[in-house]
Amino acid sequence: MPMTVVVTRDVEARYRGFLASAMLEVAPGVYVSPDLSAGVRERVWAVVEDWFTTLGNGAVAMIWRDGTAAGGLALRHLGDPPKNIWDADGVLLVKRS
């Protein structure tokens, strides 16, 4: 069960309450869990994705360790990320807009 991190930006308060029920809020809008199972991670993402589809405000990113993904990290995001993340031969790079 790898570490999972969720970062929110400009989202409604309901996200905060929901994410804080499953994860620790270490900074405003930053939630972590050292042992979130894949099943719980998928359910959390399903709720967040449903709310985002309905409300459409802000941005949400979820990151966790995945040995099969480029750079060893898996990433999901909703909304407009402030940076573009791309895979360059297995290394994740950030391109600033």
Protein backbone atom coordinates (compact mmCIF):
# COMPACT_ATOMS: atom_id res chain seq x y z
CA MET A 1 0.00 0.00 0.00
CA PRO A 2 1.90 3.04 -1.23
CA MET A 3 1.78 6.61 0.00
CA THR A 4 -1.03 8.61 -1.61
CA VAL A 5 -1.12 12.40 -1.90
CA VAL A 6 -4.09 14.53 -2.99
CA VAL A 7 -3.71 18.24 -3.69
CA THR A 8 -6.74 20.48 -4.17
CA ARG A 9 -6.89 24.05 -5.44
CA ASP A 10 -9.93 26.37 -5.40
CA VAL A 11 -12.49 23.63 -4.68
CA GLU A 12 -15.63 23.64 -2.53
CA ALA A 13 -15.46 22.92 1.21
CA ARG A 14 -17.09 19.49 0.76
CA TYR A 15 -13.81 18.18 -0.68
CA ARG A 16 -11.98 19.16 2.48
CA GLY A 17 -14.36 17.33 4.77
CA PHE A 18 -14.48 14.22 2.63
CA LEU A 19 -10.74 13.95 2.04
CA ALA A 20 -9.97 14.68 5.70
CA SER A 21 -12.20 11.72 6.66
CA ALA A 22 -9.88 9.33 4.81
CA MET A 23 -6.53 11.15 4.84
CA LEU A 24 -4.49 13.55 6.95
CA GLU A 25 -4.53 17.22 5.86
CA VAL A 26 -0.89 18.27 6.33
CA ALA A 27 -1.29 21.73 4.75
CA PRO A 28 -4.27 23.61 3.32
CA GLY A 29 -5.50 21.52 0.40
CA VAL A 30 -2.80 18.83 0.76
CA TYR A 31 -3.90 15.39 1.98
CA VAL A 32 -1.68 12.34 2.58
CA SER A 33 -2.13 8.73 3.58
CA PRO A 34 0.84 6.41 4.05
CA ASP A 35 -1.19 3.23 3.58
CA LEU A 36 -4.28 3.90 1.47
CA SER A 37 -5.23 0.69 -0.30
CA ALA A 38 -5.87 0.65 -4.05
CA GLY A 39 -9.57 -0.03 -3.47
CA VAL A 40 -10.01 2.91 -1.10
CA ARG A 41 -7.95 5.12 -3.43
CA GLU A 42 -10.28 4.23 -6.32
CA ARG A 43 -13.40 4.96 -4.24
CA VAL A 44 -12.00 8.31 -3.06
CA TRP A 45 -11.16 9.25 -6.66
CA ALA A 46 -14.64 8.20 -7.85
CA VAL A 47 -16.30 10.56 -5.34
CA VAL A 48 -13.92 13.43 -6.15
CA GLU A 49 -14.38 12.90 -9.88
CA ASP A 50 -18.18 12.82 -9.54
CA TRP A 51 -18.19 16.08 -7.56
CA PHE A 52 -15.81 17.72 -10.00
CA THR A 53 -17.99 16.70 -12.95
CA THR A 54 -21.00 18.25 -11.21
CA LEU A 55 -19.37 21.37 -9.74
CA GLY A 56 -16.47 21.96 -12.15
CA ASN A 57 -14.45 24.35 -9.99
CA GLY A 58 -10.73 24.36 -9.18
CA ALA A 59 -8.33 21.48 -9.67
CA VAL A 60 -7.50 18.18 -7.97
CA ALA A 61 -4.40 16.01 -8.36
CA MET A 62 -3.81 12.54 -6.90
CA ILE A 63 -0.32 11.02 -6.85
CA TRP A 64 0.84 7.62 -5.61
CA ARG A 65 3.77 5.26 -6.05
CA ASP A 66 3.36 2.82 -8.93
CA GLY A 67 6.33 0.71 -10.02
CA THR A 68 4.79 0.11 -13.45
CA ALA A 69 4.26 3.80 -14.29
CA ALA A 70 6.79 6.23 -15.76
CA GLY A 71 9.06 7.57 -13.06
CA GLY A 72 7.49 5.21 -10.52
CA LEU A 73 4.58 7.59 -9.93
CA ALA A 74 0.98 7.43 -11.05
CA LEU A 75 -0.89 10.71 -11.48
CA ARG A 76 -4.51 11.63 -11.98
CA HIS A 77 -5.78 15.17 -12.21
CA LEU A 78 -8.98 17.09 -12.78
CA GLY A 79 -9.17 20.69 -13.88
CA ASP A 80 -6.43 22.80 -15.30
CA PRO A 81 -3.09 21.86 -13.80
CA PRO A 82 -0.75 24.85 -13.37
CA LYS A 83 2.03 22.82 -15.06
CA ASN A 84 2.16 20.26 -17.84
CA ILE A 85 3.54 16.87 -16.79
CA TRP A 86 4.90 14.58 -19.48
CA ASP A 87 6.83 11.34 -19.79
CA ALA A 88 10.30 11.57 -21.36
CA ASP A 89 11.61 8.02 -21.72
CA GLY A 90 10.31 6.94 -18.32
CA VAL A 91 11.15 10.14 -16.46
CA LEU A 92 8.36 12.51 -15.45
CA LEU A 93 9.16 16.11 -16.36
CA VAL A 94 7.31 19.36 -15.64
CA LYS A 95 6.88 22.02 -18.26
CA ARG A 96 5.77 25.37 -16.98
CA SER A 97 3.17 27.14 -19.09
